[in-house]
């Protein structure tokens, strides 16, 4: 009979206890409420009042979000980011950068951008340290690895890093890529995107397998906010 003790599984509560800056929800997965920003913010607040990401992933969502923010001087979260458009923006990169610079309120802490979706990343230099660039999934043509992300950061030297850990696992199930990204851009790390992901790239609730796989990398990301990009697993509540 083996004397080895069984492997201990980490709980989701324990995973979130790693994070010193707090966690919260992205409004991006709340599809039934899409477009109703007051309801989206209220739903996010039921998960956490520390962190929220307001997702305008489609360019058509940005004007309504900006209008909502202009009439809502305080949201009641410690950290507020905006996910900028990655599709459906009919203008140029320069026009998007100018819109974000002029219309977002001062309490927005960061703007998440998909580097691969921008026709030109250079105009976003006017946003200073507001942009945070996200590593991409396996279906994207670039911005997936350290080597592919580095030129974007060279163009935007003040930009931060948004680490999507599910994208890293999709590109490399061993999670070596996750460690490489944190090692290379840890001094820029400002936000973590947290979920599991399907083979076709959909963000889904965290699985136990991913809780275990993500743990060693997330231990290195304790000092930045974590944003859930999918609902909590069924019947799971965070203490």
C-alpha atoms as a PDB file:
ATOM      1  CA  UNK A   1       0.000   0.000   0.000  1.00  0.00           C
ATOM      2  CA  UNK A   2       1.349   3.391  -0.964  1.00  0.00           C
ATOM      3  CA  UNK A   3       2.199   5.754   1.904  1.00  0.00           C
ATOM      4  CA  UNK A   4       1.860   8.820  -0.303  1.00  0.00           C
ATOM      5  CA  UNK A   5      -0.811  11.234   0.853  1.00  0.00           C
ATOM      6  CA  UNK A   6      -3.474  12.125  -1.733  1.00  0.00           C
ATOM      7  CA  UNK A   7      -3.006  15.365  -3.591  1.00  0.00           C
ATOM      8  CA  UNK A   8      -4.873  18.221  -1.954  1.00  0.00           C
ATOM      9  CA  UNK A   9      -7.181  20.246  -4.188  1.00  0.00           C
ATOM     10  CA  UNK A  10      -7.323  24.008  -3.738  1.00  0.00           C
ATOM     11  CA  UNK A  11     -10.745  25.572  -3.405  1.00  0.00           C
ATOM     12  CA  UNK A  12     -11.923  28.616  -5.301  1.00  0.00           C
ATOM     13  CA  UNK A  13     -12.090  30.512  -2.013  1.00  0.00           C
ATOM     14  CA  UNK A  14      -8.425  29.715  -1.425  1.00  0.00           C
ATOM     15  CA  UNK A  15      -7.537  30.841  -4.930  1.00  0.00           C
ATOM     16  CA  UNK A  16      -9.141  34.232  -4.407  1.00  0.00           C
ATOM     17  CA  UNK A  17      -7.443  34.590  -1.041  1.00  0.00           C
ATOM     18  CA  UNK A  18      -4.179  34.827  -2.981  1.00  0.00           C
ATOM     19  CA  UNK A  19      -5.225  38.187  -4.389  1.00  0.00           C
ATOM     20  CA  UNK A  20      -4.307  41.155  -2.219  1.00  0.00           C
ATOM     21  CA  UNK A  21      -5.928  43.788  -4.478  1.00  0.00           C
ATOM     22  CA  UNK A  22      -9.358  42.185  -4.722  1.00  0.00           C
ATOM     23  CA  UNK A  23     -11.381  40.604  -7.501  1.00  0.00           C
ATOM     24  CA  UNK A  24     -14.564  41.399  -9.369  1.00  0.00           C
ATOM     25  CA  UNK A  25     -16.543  40.865 -12.550  1.00  0.00           C
ATOM     26  CA  UNK A  26     -16.292  41.890 -16.154  1.00  0.00           C
ATOM     27  CA  UNK A  27     -19.633  43.019 -17.506  1.00  0.00           C
ATOM     28  CA  UNK A  28     -18.683  41.318 -20.754  1.00  0.00           C
ATOM     29  CA  UNK A  29     -20.150  37.947 -19.803  1.00  0.00           C
ATOM     30  CA  UNK A  30     -23.505  39.432 -18.712  1.00  0.00           C
ATOM     31  CA  UNK A  31     -25.094  39.082 -22.135  1.00  0.00           C
ATOM     32  CA  UNK A  32     -28.728  39.306 -21.066  1.00  0.00           C
ATOM     33  CA  UNK A  33     -28.158  42.804 -19.655  1.00  0.00           C
ATOM     34  CA  UNK A  34     -25.902  44.081 -22.423  1.00  0.00           C
ATOM     35  CA  UNK A  35     -26.433  47.775 -23.103  1.00  0.00           C
ATOM     36  CA  UNK A  36     -28.141  48.485 -19.770  1.00  0.00           C
ATOM     37  CA  UNK A  37     -25.163  49.926 -17.963  1.00  0.00           C
ATOM     38  CA  UNK A  38     -26.870  50.683 -14.665  1.00  0.00           C
ATOM     39  CA  UNK A  39     -28.038  47.048 -14.427  1.00  0.00           C
ATOM     40  CA  UNK A  40     -24.633  45.738 -15.489  1.00  0.00           C
ATOM     41  CA  UNK A  41     -22.853  47.752 -12.800  1.00  0.00           C
ATOM     42  CA  UNK A  42     -25.378  46.636 -10.190  1.00  0.00           C
ATOM     43  CA  UNK A  43     -24.852  42.992 -11.168  1.00  0.00           C
ATOM     44  CA  UNK A  44     -21.091  43.387 -10.951  1.00  0.00           C
ATOM     45  CA  UNK A  45     -21.477  44.988  -7.542  1.00  0.00           C
ATOM     46  CA  UNK A  46     -23.279  41.903  -6.240  1.00  0.00           C
ATOM     47  CA  UNK A  47     -20.076  39.958  -6.795  1.00  0.00           C
ATOM     48  CA  UNK A  48     -17.673  42.562  -5.425  1.00  0.00           C
ATOM     49  CA  UNK A  49     -17.462  46.292  -4.759  1.00  0.00           C
ATOM     50  CA  UNK A  50     -13.702  46.274  -5.081  1.00  0.00           C
ATOM     51  CA  UNK A  51     -13.136  45.605  -8.787  1.00  0.00           C
ATOM     52  CA  UNK A  52     -15.136  45.938 -12.016  1.00  0.00           C
ATOM     53  CA  UNK A  53     -14.314  45.894 -15.707  1.00  0.00           C
ATOM     54  CA  UNK A  54     -16.822  47.665 -17.973  1.00  0.00           C
ATOM     55  CA  UNK A  55     -16.672  45.869 -21.298  1.00  0.00           C
ATOM     56  CA  UNK A  56     -17.292  47.715 -24.564  1.00  0.00           C
ATOM     57  CA  UNK A  57     -15.773  44.916 -26.616  1.00  0.00           C
ATOM     58  CA  UNK A  58     -17.764  46.040 -29.653  1.00  0.00           C
ATOM     59  CA  UNK A  59     -17.327  49.586 -30.908  1.00  0.00           C
ATOM     60  CA  UNK A  60     -21.103  50.010 -30.966  1.00  0.00           C
ATOM     61  CA  UNK A  61     -21.173  49.689 -27.163  1.00  0.00           C
ATOM     62  CA  UNK A  62     -18.713  52.494 -26.485  1.00  0.00           C
ATOM     63  CA  UNK A  63     -20.949  55.572 -26.961  1.00  0.00           C
ATOM     64  CA  UNK A  64     -23.575  54.313 -24.498  1.00  0.00           C
ATOM     65  CA  UNK A  65     -20.894  53.411 -21.959  1.00  0.00           C
ATOM     66  CA  UNK A  66     -19.328  56.864 -22.241  1.00  0.00           C
ATOM     67  CA  UNK A  67     -22.755  58.456 -21.852  1.00  0.00           C
ATOM     68  CA  UNK A  68     -23.410  56.389 -18.739  1.00  0.00           C
ATOM     69  CA  UNK A  69     -20.049  57.274 -17.199  1.00  0.00           C
ATOM     70  CA  UNK A  70     -20.552  60.990 -17.841  1.00  0.00           C
ATOM     71  CA  UNK A  71     -23.746  60.933 -15.810  1.00  0.00           C
ATOM     72  CA  UNK A  72     -22.378  58.669 -13.052  1.00  0.00           C
ATOM     73  CA  UNK A  73     -19.616  60.480 -11.179  1.00  0.00           C
ATOM     74  CA  UNK A  74     -19.062  57.652  -8.665  1.00  0.00           C
ATOM     75  CA  UNK A  75     -19.453  53.918  -9.246  1.00  0.00           C
ATOM     76  CA  UNK A  76     -18.452  52.745  -5.779  1.00  0.00           C
ATOM     77  CA  UNK A  77     -15.624  50.384  -6.782  1.00  0.00           C
ATOM     78  CA  UNK A  78     -11.998  50.621  -5.691  1.00  0.00           C
ATOM     79  CA  UNK A  79     -10.754  49.788  -9.204  1.00  0.00           C
ATOM     80  CA  UNK A  80     -12.565  50.448 -12.496  1.00  0.00           C
ATOM     81  CA  UNK A  81     -11.260  49.460 -15.897  1.00  0.00           C
ATOM     82  CA  UNK A  82     -12.843  49.755 -19.335  1.00  0.00           C
ATOM     83  CA  UNK A  83     -12.378  47.095 -22.000  1.00  0.00           C
ATOM     84  CA  UNK A  84     -11.988  49.013 -25.218  1.00  0.00           C
ATOM     85  CA  UNK A  85     -13.365  47.866 -28.572  1.00  0.00           C
ATOM     86  CA  UNK A  86     -11.740  44.893 -30.265  1.00  0.00           C
ATOM     87  CA  UNK A  87     -14.279  44.769 -33.099  1.00  0.00           C
ATOM     88  CA  UNK A  88     -16.961  46.915 -34.690  1.00  0.00           C
ATOM     89  CA  UNK A  89     -15.095  50.227 -34.464  1.00  0.00           C
ATOM     90  CA  UNK A  90     -15.689  52.082 -37.726  1.00  0.00           C
ATOM     91  CA  UNK A  91     -13.141  54.835 -37.184  1.00  0.00           C
ATOM     92  CA  UNK A  92      -9.355  54.875 -37.148  1.00  0.00           C
ATOM     93  CA  UNK A  93      -7.091  53.991 -34.245  1.00  0.00           C
ATOM     94  CA  UNK A  94      -6.292  57.675 -33.858  1.00  0.00           C
ATOM     95  CA  UNK A  95      -9.994  58.493 -33.561  1.00  0.00           C
ATOM     96  CA  UNK A  96     -10.507  55.774 -30.953  1.00  0.00           C
ATOM     97  CA  UNK A  97      -7.515  56.963 -28.931  1.00  0.00           C
ATOM     98  CA  UNK A  98      -8.803  60.548 -29.057  1.00  0.00           C
ATOM     99  CA  UNK A  99     -12.293  59.477 -27.972  1.00  0.00           C
ATOM    100  CA  UNK A 100     -10.978  57.518 -25.017  1.00  0.00           C
ATOM    101  CA  UNK A 101      -8.691  60.374 -24.001  1.00  0.00           C
ATOM    102  CA  UNK A 102     -11.355  63.065 -24.129  1.00  0.00           C
ATOM    103  CA  UNK A 103     -14.464  61.223 -22.919  1.00  0.00           C
ATOM    104  CA  UNK A 104     -13.487  58.800 -20.161  1.00  0.00           C
ATOM    105  CA  UNK A 105     -13.747  60.205 -16.616  1.00  0.00           C
ATOM    106  CA  UNK A 106     -10.662  60.598 -14.503  1.00  0.00           C
ATOM    107  CA  UNK A 107     -11.621  57.757 -12.146  1.00  0.00           C
ATOM    108  CA  UNK A 108     -11.070  55.107 -14.840  1.00  0.00           C
ATOM    109  CA  UNK A 109      -7.923  53.251 -13.812  1.00  0.00           C
ATOM    110  CA  UNK A 110      -7.117  51.430 -17.061  1.00  0.00           C
ATOM    111  CA  UNK A 111      -8.309  50.683 -20.592  1.00  0.00           C
ATOM    112  CA  UNK A 112      -7.817  47.107 -21.769  1.00  0.00           C
ATOM    113  CA  UNK A 113      -6.843  46.846 -25.438  1.00  0.00           C
ATOM    114  CA  UNK A 114      -6.378  43.875 -27.781  1.00  0.00           C
ATOM    115  CA  UNK A 115      -3.159  44.821 -29.584  1.00  0.00           C
ATOM    116  CA  UNK A 116      -3.842  42.568 -32.570  1.00  0.00           C
ATOM    117  CA  UNK A 117      -7.159  44.319 -33.314  1.00  0.00           C
ATOM    118  CA  UNK A 118      -5.682  47.813 -33.671  1.00  0.00           C
ATOM    119  CA  UNK A 119      -4.761  49.010 -37.139  1.00  0.00           C
ATOM    120  CA  UNK A 120      -2.087  51.168 -35.519  1.00  0.00           C
ATOM    121  CA  UNK A 121      -1.076  51.051 -31.880  1.00  0.00           C
ATOM    122  CA  UNK A 122       1.033  54.237 -31.964  1.00  0.00           C
ATOM    123  CA  UNK A 123      -1.846  56.760 -31.528  1.00  0.00           C
ATOM    124  CA  UNK A 124      -2.612  55.315 -28.094  1.00  0.00           C
ATOM    125  CA  UNK A 125       0.581  56.851 -26.750  1.00  0.00           C
ATOM    126  CA  UNK A 126      -1.549  59.943 -26.015  1.00  0.00           C
ATOM    127  CA  UNK A 127      -3.250  57.922 -23.258  1.00  0.00           C
ATOM    128  CA  UNK A 128      -0.033  57.639 -21.256  1.00  0.00           C
ATOM    129  CA  UNK A 129      -0.242  54.791 -18.762  1.00  0.00           C
ATOM    130  CA  UNK A 130      -4.002  54.273 -19.186  1.00  0.00           C
ATOM    131  CA  UNK A 131      -3.787  51.461 -21.807  1.00  0.00           C
ATOM    132  CA  UNK A 132      -3.123  47.909 -20.628  1.00  0.00           C
ATOM    133  CA  UNK A 133      -2.361  45.437 -23.411  1.00  0.00           C
ATOM    134  CA  UNK A 134      -3.818  41.933 -23.222  1.00  0.00           C
ATOM    135  CA  UNK A 135      -2.152  38.701 -24.353  1.00  0.00           C
ATOM    136  CA  UNK A 136      -4.250  36.950 -26.990  1.00  0.00           C
ATOM    137  CA  UNK A 137      -5.679  33.456 -27.481  1.00  0.00           C
ATOM    138  CA  UNK A 138      -4.578  30.814 -29.977  1.00  0.00           C
ATOM    139  CA  UNK A 139      -6.934  32.047 -32.714  1.00  0.00           C
ATOM    140  CA  UNK A 140      -5.325  35.479 -32.940  1.00  0.00           C
ATOM    141  CA  UNK A 141      -2.479  36.223 -35.352  1.00  0.00           C
ATOM    142  CA  UNK A 142      -0.253  38.022 -32.831  1.00  0.00           C
ATOM    143  CA  UNK A 143       0.176  39.281 -29.231  1.00  0.00           C
ATOM    144  CA  UNK A 144       0.177  35.710 -27.895  1.00  0.00           C
ATOM    145  CA  UNK A 145       3.752  35.354 -26.640  1.00  0.00           C
ATOM    146  CA  UNK A 146       6.466  37.485 -25.094  1.00  0.00           C
ATOM    147  CA  UNK A 147       8.122  37.952 -28.487  1.00  0.00           C
ATOM    148  CA  UNK A 148       4.858  38.992 -30.151  1.00  0.00           C
ATOM    149  CA  UNK A 149       3.845  41.405 -27.383  1.00  0.00           C
ATOM    150  CA  UNK A 150       7.204  43.118 -26.968  1.00  0.00           C
ATOM    151  CA  UNK A 151       6.952  45.388 -30.066  1.00  0.00           C
ATOM    152  CA  UNK A 152       3.605  46.749 -28.850  1.00  0.00           C
ATOM    153  CA  UNK A 153       5.117  47.677 -25.493  1.00  0.00           C
ATOM    154  CA  UNK A 154       8.083  49.266 -27.231  1.00  0.00           C
ATOM    155  CA  UNK A 155       5.642  51.500 -29.121  1.00  0.00           C
ATOM    156  CA  UNK A 156       3.673  52.271 -25.936  1.00  0.00           C
ATOM    157  CA  UNK A 157       6.399  52.425 -23.263  1.00  0.00           C
ATOM    158  CA  UNK A 158       4.005  53.546 -20.516  1.00  0.00           C
ATOM    159  CA  UNK A 159       1.354  50.891 -21.221  1.00  0.00           C
ATOM    160  CA  UNK A 160       0.531  48.243 -18.645  1.00  0.00           C
ATOM    161  CA  UNK A 161      -0.085  44.521 -19.061  1.00  0.00           C
ATOM    162  CA  UNK A 162      -3.431  42.742 -18.740  1.00  0.00           C
ATOM    163  CA  UNK A 163      -2.634  39.063 -18.208  1.00  0.00           C
ATOM    164  CA  UNK A 164      -5.351  36.743 -19.524  1.00  0.00           C
ATOM    165  CA  UNK A 165      -4.373  33.474 -17.896  1.00  0.00           C
ATOM    166  CA  UNK A 166      -6.895  31.397 -19.854  1.00  0.00           C
ATOM    167  CA  UNK A 167      -5.429  32.675 -23.123  1.00  0.00           C
ATOM    168  CA  UNK A 168      -1.976  31.644 -21.906  1.00  0.00           C
ATOM    169  CA  UNK A 169      -3.206  28.129 -21.031  1.00  0.00           C
ATOM    170  CA  UNK A 170      -4.941  27.799 -24.407  1.00  0.00           C
ATOM    171  CA  UNK A 171      -1.640  28.572 -26.141  1.00  0.00           C
ATOM    172  CA  UNK A 172       0.408  26.388 -23.797  1.00  0.00           C
ATOM    173  CA  UNK A 173      -1.366  23.916 -21.461  1.00  0.00           C
ATOM    174  CA  UNK A 174       1.876  23.408 -19.528  1.00  0.00           C
ATOM    175  CA  UNK A 175       1.554  27.018 -18.275  1.00  0.00           C
ATOM    176  CA  UNK A 176       5.194  27.725 -19.056  1.00  0.00           C
ATOM    177  CA  UNK A 177       3.985  30.544 -21.292  1.00  0.00           C
ATOM    178  CA  UNK A 178       2.051  31.988 -18.356  1.00  0.00           C
ATOM    179  CA  UNK A 179       5.228  32.129 -16.278  1.00  0.00           C
ATOM    180  CA  UNK A 180       7.163  33.619 -19.211  1.00  0.00           C
ATOM    181  CA  UNK A 181       4.612  36.405 -19.690  1.00  0.00           C
ATOM    182  CA  UNK A 182       4.607  37.311 -15.992  1.00  0.00           C
ATOM    183  CA  UNK A 183       8.400  37.172 -15.892  1.00  0.00           C
ATOM    184  CA  UNK A 184       8.772  39.425 -18.932  1.00  0.00           C
ATOM    185  CA  UNK A 185       6.019  41.948 -18.180  1.00  0.00           C
ATOM    186  CA  UNK A 186       5.517  41.645 -14.433  1.00  0.00           C
ATOM    187  CA  UNK A 187       6.690  45.213 -13.904  1.00  0.00           C
ATOM    188  CA  UNK A 188       3.817  46.331 -16.158  1.00  0.00           C
ATOM    189  CA  UNK A 189       1.188  43.979 -14.725  1.00  0.00           C
ATOM    190  CA  UNK A 190      -1.978  45.893 -13.822  1.00  0.00           C
ATOM    191  CA  UNK A 191      -4.863  43.414 -14.165  1.00  0.00           C
ATOM    192  CA  UNK A 192      -5.549  39.672 -14.489  1.00  0.00           C
ATOM    193  CA  UNK A 193      -8.368  38.158 -16.557  1.00  0.00           C
ATOM    194  CA  UNK A 194      -9.542  34.940 -14.947  1.00  0.00           C
ATOM    195  CA  UNK A 195     -11.730  32.152 -16.342  1.00  0.00           C
ATOM    196  CA  UNK A 196     -11.474  28.804 -18.039  1.00  0.00           C
ATOM    197  CA  UNK A 197     -11.686  28.632 -21.829  1.00  0.00           C
ATOM    198  CA  UNK A 198     -13.102  26.171 -24.345  1.00  0.00           C
ATOM    199  CA  UNK A 199     -11.336  24.821 -27.418  1.00  0.00           C
ATOM    200  CA  UNK A 200     -13.235  27.309 -29.562  1.00  0.00           C
ATOM    201  CA  UNK A 201     -12.146  30.255 -27.406  1.00  0.00           C
ATOM    202  CA  UNK A 202     -15.233  30.872 -25.242  1.00  0.00           C
ATOM    203  CA  UNK A 203     -14.602  32.026 -21.666  1.00  0.00           C
ATOM    204  CA  UNK A 204     -16.439  29.744 -19.218  1.00  0.00           C
ATOM    205  CA  UNK A 205     -16.589  29.266 -15.420  1.00  0.00           C
ATOM    206  CA  UNK A 206     -13.378  28.122 -13.772  1.00  0.00           C
ATOM    207  CA  UNK A 207     -12.844  24.370 -13.669  1.00  0.00           C
ATOM    208  CA  UNK A 208     -11.081  22.597 -10.843  1.00  0.00           C
ATOM    209  CA  UNK A 209      -8.341  21.554 -13.271  1.00  0.00           C
ATOM    210  CA  UNK A 210      -7.675  25.191 -14.104  1.00  0.00           C
ATOM    211  CA  UNK A 211      -7.725  26.258 -10.456  1.00  0.00           C
ATOM    212  CA  UNK A 212      -4.824  23.832  -9.929  1.00  0.00           C
ATOM    213  CA  UNK A 213      -3.022  24.736 -13.167  1.00  0.00           C
ATOM    214  CA  UNK A 214      -3.345  28.497 -12.602  1.00  0.00           C
ATOM    215  CA  UNK A 215      -2.349  28.485  -8.930  1.00  0.00           C
ATOM    216  CA  UNK A 216       1.477  28.710  -9.288  1.00  0.00           C
ATOM    217  CA  UNK A 217       1.213  31.552 -11.832  1.00  0.00           C
ATOM    218  CA  UNK A 218      -1.435  33.469  -9.910  1.00  0.00           C
ATOM    219  CA  UNK A 219       0.764  33.358  -6.823  1.00  0.00           C
ATOM    220  CA  UNK A 220       2.978  35.768  -8.783  1.00  0.00           C
ATOM    221  CA  UNK A 221       0.053  38.117  -9.518  1.00  0.00           C
ATOM    222  CA  UNK A 222      -1.142  38.872  -5.986  1.00  0.00           C
ATOM    223  CA  UNK A 223      -0.742  42.641  -6.138  1.00  0.00           C
ATOM    224  CA  UNK A 224      -3.107  43.470  -9.020  1.00  0.00           C
ATOM    225  CA  UNK A 225      -6.905  43.225  -9.397  1.00  0.00           C
ATOM    226  CA  UNK A 226      -8.380  40.006 -10.811  1.00  0.00           C
ATOM    227  CA  UNK A 227     -11.354  40.216 -13.168  1.00  0.00           C
ATOM    228  CA  UNK A 228     -13.638  37.235 -13.800  1.00  0.00           C
ATOM    229  CA  UNK A 229     -14.554  36.861 -17.465  1.00  0.00           C
ATOM    230  CA  UNK A 230     -17.230  34.231 -16.808  1.00  0.00           C
ATOM    231  CA  UNK A 231     -19.749  33.433 -14.112  1.00  0.00           C
ATOM    232  CA  UNK A 232     -18.673  31.580 -11.028  1.00  0.00           C
ATOM    233  CA  UNK A 233     -19.095  27.793 -11.239  1.00  0.00           C
ATOM    234  CA  UNK A 234     -22.661  26.684 -10.491  1.00  0.00           C
ATOM    235  CA  UNK A 235     -23.620  26.947  -6.799  1.00  0.00           C
ATOM    236  CA  UNK A 236     -20.236  28.521  -5.985  1.00  0.00           C
ATOM    237  CA  UNK A 237     -20.122  31.629  -3.823  1.00  0.00           C
ATOM    238  CA  UNK A 238     -17.004  33.452  -2.737  1.00  0.00           C
ATOM    239  CA  UNK A 239     -16.723  33.883   1.007  1.00  0.00           C
END
